[in-house]
Amino acid sequence: MAIPSVDELGERLGIVLRDREAIAQAFVHSSYFNENPTLVDGHNERLEFLGDAVIGLVVSRLLYERFPDEDEGFLTARRAALVNRHALAAMALELGLDQYLLLGRGEAEAGGATRPSLLAATFEAIAGALFLSEGMEATRLWLRRLFGERLDAPGEAAPPKSAKSRLQEWTQRYRHTKPFYELVSAVGPPHEQMFTVAAVLEGRRLAVGEGSSRQRAEEQAAGAALELLAAGSGEPVLEGGSDESPRIS
């Protein structure tokens, strides 16, 4: 596989490119660099890190502007649907980025060019390289064009809201406050800890959740809290149920 010319890649991306070196590095996987350290200046992981932040910022603003009446939970879930690994990998394939990846022999033989995680990382690295070489405005316009098309696609449904988002909606609607999540314990060695977290509202623990990460434990706790609230009201919480405030017994 070969790195495309600046003109060829620019045509694929729909953007005028000026810095070949920055763009070329976005295609270099760490496996290739490890096998050929003298042939390339580095791999794309730092660009991937930068591109992830740039994409998140641009897509967040796009959603903020497009859905002025929606809450944080909706926007967060919609962003996750747009920038998850499979969505970014699909865009990388549509742009033909897989044709230019530089992979180590083992990675290439294992089908690395088809792995969603690797393709998504390449797309993020391209965004990071564009930010460095072409500037924020050019990168922003490019990303808005790509993601705007997906936002307007027919039948594009909003993803389901997380338990944490639904619990926060309930507490804001009926109690005019937000829950917070208290770390109860973190047990085990650093690489395989088990977290226990309590969902707390107005100084009272509603429910407790466990998970292999604090985020998962918080989601479990929020889900258990929603079940408690639903049991107290006899209606699903914020999913077509009664507008009457459920009780916390």
C-alpha atoms as a PDB file:
ATOM      1  CA  MET A   1       0.000   0.000   0.000  1.00  0.00           C
ATOM      2  CA  ALA A   2       1.181   3.509  -0.714  1.00  0.00           C
ATOM      3  CA  ILE A   3       0.434   6.889   0.742  1.00  0.00           C
ATOM      4  CA  PRO A   4      -1.664   8.829  -1.770  1.00  0.00           C
ATOM      5  CA  SER A   5      -0.490  12.015  -3.348  1.00  0.00           C
ATOM      6  CA  VAL A   6      -1.632  15.199  -1.675  1.00  0.00           C
ATOM      7  CA  ASP A   7      -3.883  16.012  -4.630  1.00  0.00           C
ATOM      8  CA  GLU A   8      -5.409  12.520  -4.697  1.00  0.00           C
ATOM      9  CA  LEU A   9      -6.147  12.444  -0.979  1.00  0.00           C
ATOM     10  CA  GLY A  10      -7.387  16.016  -1.022  1.00  0.00           C
ATOM     11  CA  GLU A  11      -9.843  15.075  -3.739  1.00  0.00           C
ATOM     12  CA  ARG A  12     -11.089  12.116  -1.697  1.00  0.00           C
ATOM     13  CA  LEU A  13     -11.521  14.253   1.388  1.00  0.00           C
ATOM     14  CA  GLY A  14     -12.905  17.244  -0.453  1.00  0.00           C
ATOM     15  CA  ILE A  15     -10.334  19.613   1.024  1.00  0.00           C
ATOM     16  CA  VAL A  16      -7.213  21.348  -0.294  1.00  0.00           C
ATOM     17  CA  LEU A  17      -4.144  19.896   1.453  1.00  0.00           C
ATOM     18  CA  ARG A  18      -0.841  21.686   1.928  1.00  0.00           C
ATOM     19  CA  ASP A  19       1.228  19.551   4.312  1.00  0.00           C
ATOM     20  CA  ARG A  20       2.015  16.096   2.944  1.00  0.00           C
ATOM     21  CA  GLU A  21       4.114  15.016   5.928  1.00  0.00           C
ATOM     22  CA  ALA A  22       1.383  15.591   8.514  1.00  0.00           C
ATOM     23  CA  ILE A  23      -1.210  13.788   6.425  1.00  0.00           C
ATOM     24  CA  ALA A  24       1.123  10.898   5.586  1.00  0.00           C
ATOM     25  CA  GLN A  25       1.807  10.180   9.254  1.00  0.00           C
ATOM     26  CA  ALA A  26      -1.936   9.746   9.893  1.00  0.00           C
ATOM     27  CA  PHE A  27      -1.772   6.492   7.899  1.00  0.00           C
ATOM     28  CA  VAL A  28       1.152   4.961   9.773  1.00  0.00           C
ATOM     29  CA  HIS A  29       0.041   2.300  12.232  1.00  0.00           C
ATOM     30  CA  SER A  30       2.263   1.599  15.224  1.00  0.00           C
ATOM     31  CA  SER A  31       2.893  -1.949  13.966  1.00  0.00           C
ATOM     32  CA  TYR A  32       4.462  -0.569  10.786  1.00  0.00           C
ATOM     33  CA  PHE A  33       6.583   1.922  12.690  1.00  0.00           C
ATOM     34  CA  ASN A  34       7.804  -0.802  15.049  1.00  0.00           C
ATOM     35  CA  GLU A  35       8.962  -2.901  12.087  1.00  0.00           C
ATOM     36  CA  ASN A  36      10.303   0.004  10.022  1.00  0.00           C
ATOM     37  CA  PRO A  37      11.509   2.687  12.451  1.00  0.00           C
ATOM     38  CA  THR A  38      13.917   4.192   9.915  1.00  0.00           C
ATOM     39  CA  LEU A  39      11.376   4.547   7.098  1.00  0.00           C
ATOM     40  CA  VAL A  40       8.846   6.819   8.846  1.00  0.00           C
ATOM     41  CA  ASP A  41       9.081   9.558  11.436  1.00  0.00           C
ATOM     42  CA  GLY A  42       6.459   8.077  13.755  1.00  0.00           C
ATOM     43  CA  HIS A  43       3.018   6.482  13.952  1.00  0.00           C
ATOM     44  CA  ASN A  44      -0.459   7.985  14.147  1.00  0.00           C
ATOM     45  CA  GLU A  45      -1.453   7.477  17.789  1.00  0.00           C
ATOM     46  CA  ARG A  46      -0.742  11.053  18.878  1.00  0.00           C
ATOM     47  CA  LEU A  47      -2.705  12.350  15.891  1.00  0.00           C
ATOM     48  CA  GLU A  48      -5.512   9.957  16.827  1.00  0.00           C
ATOM     49  CA  PHE A  49      -5.604  11.454  20.332  1.00  0.00           C
ATOM     50  CA  LEU A  50      -5.778  14.978  18.938  1.00  0.00           C
ATOM     51  CA  GLY A  51      -8.342  14.101  16.272  1.00  0.00           C
ATOM     52  CA  ASP A  52     -10.652  12.492  18.816  1.00  0.00           C
ATOM     53  CA  ALA A  53     -10.826  15.807  20.702  1.00  0.00           C
ATOM     54  CA  VAL A  54     -11.351  17.835  17.516  1.00  0.00           C
ATOM     55  CA  ILE A  55     -14.145  15.559  16.291  1.00  0.00           C
ATOM     56  CA  GLY A  56     -15.845  15.638  19.695  1.00  0.00           C
ATOM     57  CA  LEU A  57     -15.789  19.425  19.797  1.00  0.00           C
ATOM     58  CA  VAL A  58     -17.078  19.914  16.244  1.00  0.00           C
ATOM     59  CA  VAL A  59     -19.837  17.315  16.519  1.00  0.00           C
ATOM     60  CA  SER A  60     -20.896  18.620  19.941  1.00  0.00           C
ATOM     61  CA  ARG A  61     -21.334  22.111  18.554  1.00  0.00           C
ATOM     62  CA  LEU A  62     -23.151  20.791  15.483  1.00  0.00           C
ATOM     63  CA  LEU A  63     -25.646  18.969  17.716  1.00  0.00           C
ATOM     64  CA  TYR A  64     -25.969  21.953  20.053  1.00  0.00           C
ATOM     65  CA  GLU A  65     -26.951  24.159  17.127  1.00  0.00           C
ATOM     66  CA  ARG A  66     -29.142  21.617  15.334  1.00  0.00           C
ATOM     67  CA  PHE A  67     -31.235  20.611  18.368  1.00  0.00           C
ATOM     68  CA  PRO A  68     -31.759  23.770  20.457  1.00  0.00           C
ATOM     69  CA  ASP A  69     -34.648  22.301  22.464  1.00  0.00           C
ATOM     70  CA  GLU A  70     -33.031  18.994  23.428  1.00  0.00           C
ATOM     71  CA  ASP A  71     -31.359  18.315  26.762  1.00  0.00           C
ATOM     72  CA  GLU A  72     -27.901  17.101  27.658  1.00  0.00           C
ATOM     73  CA  GLY A  73     -28.935  13.446  27.727  1.00  0.00           C
ATOM     74  CA  PHE A  74     -30.257  13.544  24.159  1.00  0.00           C
ATOM     75  CA  LEU A  75     -27.196  15.409  22.856  1.00  0.00           C
ATOM     76  CA  THR A  76     -24.785  13.042  24.587  1.00  0.00           C
ATOM     77  CA  ALA A  77     -26.511   9.959  23.221  1.00  0.00           C
ATOM     78  CA  ARG A  78     -26.751  11.422  19.725  1.00  0.00           C
ATOM     79  CA  ARG A  79     -23.061  12.305  19.746  1.00  0.00           C
ATOM     80  CA  ALA A  80     -22.169   8.782  20.856  1.00  0.00           C
ATOM     81  CA  ALA A  81     -24.154   7.380  17.930  1.00  0.00           C
ATOM     82  CA  LEU A  82     -22.333   9.639  15.476  1.00  0.00           C
ATOM     83  CA  VAL A  83     -18.754   9.236  16.677  1.00  0.00           C
ATOM     84  CA  ASN A  84     -18.620   5.649  17.898  1.00  0.00           C
ATOM     85  CA  ARG A  85     -16.048   3.237  16.502  1.00  0.00           C
ATOM     86  CA  HIS A  86     -18.323   1.684  13.884  1.00  0.00           C
ATOM     87  CA  ALA A  87     -19.631   5.030  12.622  1.00  0.00           C
ATOM     88  CA  LEU A  88     -16.124   6.426  12.189  1.00  0.00           C
ATOM     89  CA  ALA A  89     -14.926   3.197  10.568  1.00  0.00           C
ATOM     90  CA  ALA A  90     -17.777   3.411   8.043  1.00  0.00           C
ATOM     91  CA  MET A  91     -16.730   6.948   7.119  1.00  0.00           C
ATOM     92  CA  ALA A  92     -13.114   5.845   6.757  1.00  0.00           C
ATOM     93  CA  LEU A  93     -14.215   3.144   4.303  1.00  0.00           C
ATOM     94  CA  GLU A  94     -16.422   5.548   2.364  1.00  0.00           C
ATOM     95  CA  LEU A  95     -13.433   7.854   1.945  1.00  0.00           C
ATOM     96  CA  GLY A  96     -11.200   4.951   0.930  1.00  0.00           C
ATOM     97  CA  LEU A  97      -8.725   5.534   3.735  1.00  0.00           C
ATOM     98  CA  ASP A  98      -8.184   1.786   4.157  1.00  0.00           C
ATOM     99  CA  GLN A  99      -6.362   1.694   0.819  1.00  0.00           C
ATOM    100  CA  TYR A 100      -3.458   3.718   2.149  1.00  0.00           C
ATOM    101  CA  LEU A 101      -2.840   2.264   5.592  1.00  0.00           C
ATOM    102  CA  LEU A 102       0.726   1.293   6.423  1.00  0.00           C
ATOM    103  CA  LEU A 103       0.561  -1.797   8.631  1.00  0.00           C
ATOM    104  CA  GLY A 104       3.135  -4.180  10.016  1.00  0.00           C
ATOM    105  CA  ARG A 105       3.271  -7.599   8.391  1.00  0.00           C
ATOM    106  CA  GLY A 106       1.483  -9.398  11.209  1.00  0.00           C
ATOM    107  CA  GLU A 107      -1.230  -6.751  11.471  1.00  0.00           C
ATOM    108  CA  ALA A 108      -1.791  -6.782   7.717  1.00  0.00           C
ATOM    109  CA  GLU A 109      -1.991 -10.581   7.554  1.00  0.00           C
ATOM    110  CA  ALA A 110      -4.510 -10.549  10.416  1.00  0.00           C
ATOM    111  CA  GLY A 111      -6.797  -8.257   8.390  1.00  0.00           C
ATOM    112  CA  GLY A 112      -6.026  -5.091  10.297  1.00  0.00           C
ATOM    113  CA  ALA A 113      -7.179  -2.881   7.425  1.00  0.00           C
ATOM    114  CA  THR A 114     -10.725  -4.165   7.944  1.00  0.00           C
ATOM    115  CA  ARG A 115     -10.877  -3.816  11.730  1.00  0.00           C
ATOM    116  CA  PRO A 116     -13.357  -1.108  12.804  1.00  0.00           C
ATOM    117  CA  SER A 117     -11.145   0.033  15.683  1.00  0.00           C
ATOM    118  CA  LEU A 118      -8.161   0.560  13.385  1.00  0.00           C
ATOM    119  CA  LEU A 119     -10.242   2.307  10.709  1.00  0.00           C
ATOM    120  CA  ALA A 120     -11.854   4.576  13.297  1.00  0.00           C
ATOM    121  CA  ALA A 121      -8.423   5.428  14.695  1.00  0.00           C
ATOM    122  CA  THR A 122      -7.244   6.317  11.196  1.00  0.00           C
ATOM    123  CA  PHE A 123     -10.190   8.646  10.677  1.00  0.00           C
ATOM    124  CA  GLU A 124      -9.402  10.348  13.996  1.00  0.00           C
ATOM    125  CA  ALA A 125      -5.740  10.636  13.014  1.00  0.00           C
ATOM    126  CA  ILE A 126      -6.729  12.291   9.722  1.00  0.00           C
ATOM    127  CA  ALA A 127      -8.838  14.810  11.661  1.00  0.00           C
ATOM    128  CA  GLY A 128      -5.865  15.522  13.924  1.00  0.00           C
ATOM    129  CA  ALA A 129      -3.511  15.916  10.969  1.00  0.00           C
ATOM    130  CA  LEU A 130      -5.920  18.265   9.208  1.00  0.00           C
ATOM    131  CA  PHE A 131      -6.222  20.351  12.355  1.00  0.00           C
ATOM    132  CA  LEU A 132      -2.438  20.752  12.527  1.00  0.00           C
ATOM    133  CA  SER A 133      -1.816  21.284   8.824  1.00  0.00           C
ATOM    134  CA  GLU A 134      -4.899  23.136   7.592  1.00  0.00           C
ATOM    135  CA  GLY A 135      -6.196  24.802  10.738  1.00  0.00           C
ATOM    136  CA  MET A 136      -9.349  24.536  12.806  1.00  0.00           C
ATOM    137  CA  GLU A 137     -11.688  26.317  10.418  1.00  0.00           C
ATOM    138  CA  ALA A 138     -10.924  24.080   7.434  1.00  0.00           C
ATOM    139  CA  THR A 139     -11.150  20.977   9.637  1.00  0.00           C
ATOM    140  CA  ARG A 140     -14.407  22.171  11.187  1.00  0.00           C
ATOM    141  CA  LEU A 141     -16.036  22.724   7.796  1.00  0.00           C
ATOM    142  CA  TRP A 142     -14.880  19.300   6.602  1.00  0.00           C
ATOM    143  CA  LEU A 143     -16.239  17.503   9.660  1.00  0.00           C
ATOM    144  CA  ARG A 144     -19.502  19.450   9.656  1.00  0.00           C
ATOM    145  CA  ARG A 145     -20.087  18.450   6.065  1.00  0.00           C
ATOM    146  CA  LEU A 146     -19.485  14.762   6.778  1.00  0.00           C
ATOM    147  CA  PHE A 147     -21.490  14.577   9.997  1.00  0.00           C
ATOM    148  CA  GLY A 148     -24.198  16.967   8.795  1.00  0.00           C
ATOM    149  CA  GLU A 149     -25.041  14.523   6.026  1.00  0.00           C
ATOM    150  CA  ARG A 150     -25.529  11.746   8.562  1.00  0.00           C
ATOM    151  CA  LEU A 151     -27.575  13.945  10.834  1.00  0.00           C
ATOM    152  CA  ASP A 152     -30.007  14.645   8.020  1.00  0.00           C
ATOM    153  CA  ALA A 153     -30.190  11.072   6.713  1.00  0.00           C
ATOM    154  CA  PRO A 154     -33.802   9.830   6.299  1.00  0.00           C
ATOM    155  CA  GLY A 155     -34.927   7.586   9.110  1.00  0.00           C
ATOM    156  CA  GLU A 156     -32.029   8.551  11.349  1.00  0.00           C
ATOM    157  CA  ALA A 157     -33.437   7.816  14.781  1.00  0.00           C
ATOM    158  CA  ALA A 158     -32.181   9.214  18.024  1.00  0.00           C
ATOM    159  CA  PRO A 159     -30.393   6.570  20.111  1.00  0.00           C
ATOM    160  CA  PRO A 160     -31.954   5.469  23.373  1.00  0.00           C
ATOM    161  CA  LYS A 161     -31.052   7.560  26.376  1.00  0.00           C
ATOM    162  CA  SER A 162     -28.843   6.142  29.065  1.00  0.00           C
ATOM    163  CA  ALA A 163     -30.173   5.395  32.530  1.00  0.00           C
ATOM    164  CA  LYS A 164     -28.096   8.260  33.916  1.00  0.00           C
ATOM    165  CA  SER A 165     -29.646  10.682  31.428  1.00  0.00           C
ATOM    166  CA  ARG A 166     -33.189   9.551  32.221  1.00  0.00           C
ATOM    167  CA  LEU A 167     -32.596   9.729  35.973  1.00  0.00           C
ATOM    168  CA  GLN A 168     -31.231  13.249  35.640  1.00  0.00           C
ATOM    169  CA  GLU A 169     -34.260  14.281  33.565  1.00  0.00           C
ATOM    170  CA  TRP A 170     -36.570  12.960  36.277  1.00  0.00           C
ATOM    171  CA  THR A 171     -34.765  14.694  39.117  1.00  0.00           C
ATOM    172  CA  GLN A 172     -34.620  17.990  37.236  1.00  0.00           C
ATOM    173  CA  ARG A 173     -38.287  17.811  36.291  1.00  0.00           C
ATOM    174  CA  TYR A 174     -39.700  16.851  39.664  1.00  0.00           C
ATOM    175  CA  ARG A 175     -37.066  17.874  42.234  1.00  0.00           C
ATOM    176  CA  HIS A 176     -35.288  20.707  40.390  1.00  0.00           C
ATOM    177  CA  THR A 177     -31.920  19.193  41.216  1.00  0.00           C
ATOM    178  CA  LYS A 178     -29.506  16.601  39.906  1.00  0.00           C
ATOM    179  CA  PRO A 179     -28.401  13.274  41.354  1.00  0.00           C
ATOM    180  CA  PHE A 180     -24.782  12.676  42.118  1.00  0.00           C
ATOM    181  CA  TYR A 181     -22.822   9.458  42.278  1.00  0.00           C
ATOM    182  CA  GLU A 182     -20.905   8.508  45.409  1.00  0.00           C
ATOM    183  CA  LEU A 183     -18.032   6.047  45.180  1.00  0.00           C
ATOM    184  CA  VAL A 184     -18.690   3.420  47.830  1.00  0.00           C
ATOM    185  CA  SER A 185     -15.700   1.179  47.155  1.00  0.00           C
ATOM    186  CA  ALA A 186     -13.096   0.158  44.588  1.00  0.00           C
ATOM    187  CA  VAL A 187     -11.836  -3.371  45.249  1.00  0.00           C
ATOM    188  CA  GLY A 188      -9.098  -5.344  43.541  1.00  0.00           C
ATOM    189  CA  PRO A 189      -5.802  -4.678  41.733  1.00  0.00           C
ATOM    190  CA  PRO A 190      -5.634  -1.578  39.490  1.00  0.00           C
ATOM    191  CA  HIS A 191      -6.040  -3.546  36.235  1.00  0.00           C
ATOM    192  CA  GLU A 192      -9.205  -5.360  37.328  1.00  0.00           C
ATOM    193  CA  GLN A 193     -10.952  -3.298  39.969  1.00  0.00           C
ATOM    194  CA  MET A 194     -14.621  -3.659  40.797  1.00  0.00           C
ATOM    195  CA  PHE A 195     -16.373  -0.394  41.586  1.00  0.00           C
ATOM    196  CA  THR A 196     -19.434   0.111  43.765  1.00  0.00           C
ATOM    197  CA  VAL A 197     -21.264   3.421  43.339  1.00  0.00           C
ATOM    198  CA  ALA A 198     -24.412   4.839  44.941  1.00  0.00           C
ATOM    199  CA  ALA A 199     -26.881   7.121  43.165  1.00  0.00           C
ATOM    200  CA  VAL A 200     -27.666   9.878  45.665  1.00  0.00           C
ATOM    201  CA  LEU A 201     -30.527  12.378  45.550  1.00  0.00           C
ATOM    202  CA  GLU A 202     -31.085  15.127  48.100  1.00  0.00           C
ATOM    203  CA  GLY A 203     -28.663  13.459  50.519  1.00  0.00           C
ATOM    204  CA  ARG A 204     -30.274  10.020  50.272  1.00  0.00           C
ATOM    205  CA  ARG A 205     -28.941   6.940  48.531  1.00  0.00           C
ATOM    206  CA  LEU A 206     -31.494   5.733  45.997  1.00  0.00           C
ATOM    207  CA  ALA A 207     -29.682   2.656  44.734  1.00  0.00           C
ATOM    208  CA  VAL A 208     -26.266   1.043  44.380  1.00  0.00           C
ATOM    209  CA  GLY A 209     -24.581  -0.316  41.272  1.00  0.00           C
ATOM    210  CA  GLU A 210     -21.433  -2.317  40.529  1.00  0.00           C
ATOM    211  CA  GLY A 211     -19.196  -2.495  37.482  1.00  0.00           C
ATOM    212  CA  SER A 212     -15.675  -2.952  36.143  1.00  0.00           C
ATOM    213  CA  SER A 213     -15.427   0.822  35.705  1.00  0.00           C
ATOM    214  CA  ARG A 214     -16.845   3.709  37.672  1.00  0.00           C
ATOM    215  CA  GLN A 215     -18.927   4.761  34.660  1.00  0.00           C
ATOM    216  CA  ARG A 216     -20.524   1.308  34.376  1.00  0.00           C
ATOM    217  CA  ALA A 217     -21.232   1.246  38.092  1.00  0.00           C
ATOM    218  CA  GLU A 218     -22.909   4.657  37.855  1.00  0.00           C
ATOM    219  CA  GLU A 219     -25.073   3.465  34.964  1.00  0.00           C
ATOM    220  CA  GLN A 220     -26.087   0.382  36.987  1.00  0.00           C
ATOM    221  CA  ALA A 221     -26.948   2.553  39.983  1.00  0.00           C
ATOM    222  CA  ALA A 222     -29.015   4.911  37.823  1.00  0.00           C
ATOM    223  CA  GLY A 223     -30.903   1.983  36.296  1.00  0.00           C
ATOM    224  CA  ALA A 224     -31.687   0.559  39.732  1.00  0.00           C
ATOM    225  CA  ALA A 225     -32.840   4.000  40.903  1.00  0.00           C
ATOM    226  CA  LEU A 226     -35.190   4.280  37.912  1.00  0.00           C
ATOM    227  CA  GLU A 227     -36.694   0.876  38.740  1.00  0.00           C
ATOM    228  CA  LEU A 228     -37.251   2.043  42.316  1.00  0.00           C
ATOM    229  CA  LEU A 229     -38.983   5.213  41.140  1.00  0.00           C
ATOM    230  CA  ALA A 230     -41.093   3.296  38.651  1.00  0.00           C
ATOM    231  CA  ALA A 231     -42.144   0.827  41.352  1.00  0.00           C
ATOM    232  CA  GLY A 232     -43.242   3.709  43.552  1.00  0.00           C
ATOM    233  CA  SER A 233     -45.429   5.250  40.843  1.00  0.00           C
ATOM    234  CA  GLY A 234     -46.598   2.200  38.947  1.00  0.00           C
ATOM    235  CA  GLU A 235     -45.444   3.838  35.697  1.00  0.00           C
ATOM    236  CA  PRO A 236     -42.268   3.714  33.608  1.00  0.00           C
ATOM    237  CA  VAL A 237     -40.086   6.696  34.512  1.00  0.00           C
ATOM    238  CA  LEU A 238     -39.922   9.231  31.661  1.00  0.00           C
ATOM    239  CA  GLU A 239     -40.872   6.684  29.038  1.00  0.00           C
ATOM    240  CA  GLY A 240     -44.479   7.438  28.330  1.00  0.00           C
ATOM    241  CA  GLY A 241     -45.673   7.205  31.929  1.00  0.00           C
ATOM    242  CA  SER A 242     -47.708   9.582  34.032  1.00  0.00           C
ATOM    243  CA  ASP A 243     -46.701  13.215  34.400  1.00  0.00           C
ATOM    244  CA  GLU A 244     -47.442  12.948  38.099  1.00  0.00           C
ATOM    245  CA  SER A 245     -44.263  12.946  40.130  1.00  0.00           C
ATOM    246  CA  PRO A 246     -43.410   9.394  41.316  1.00  0.00           C
ATOM    247  CA  ARG A 247     -42.734   8.952  44.994  1.00  0.00           C
ATOM    248  CA  ILE A 248     -39.428   8.057  46.566  1.00  0.00           C
ATOM    249  CA  SER A 249     -40.464   5.764  49.361  1.00  0.00           C
END
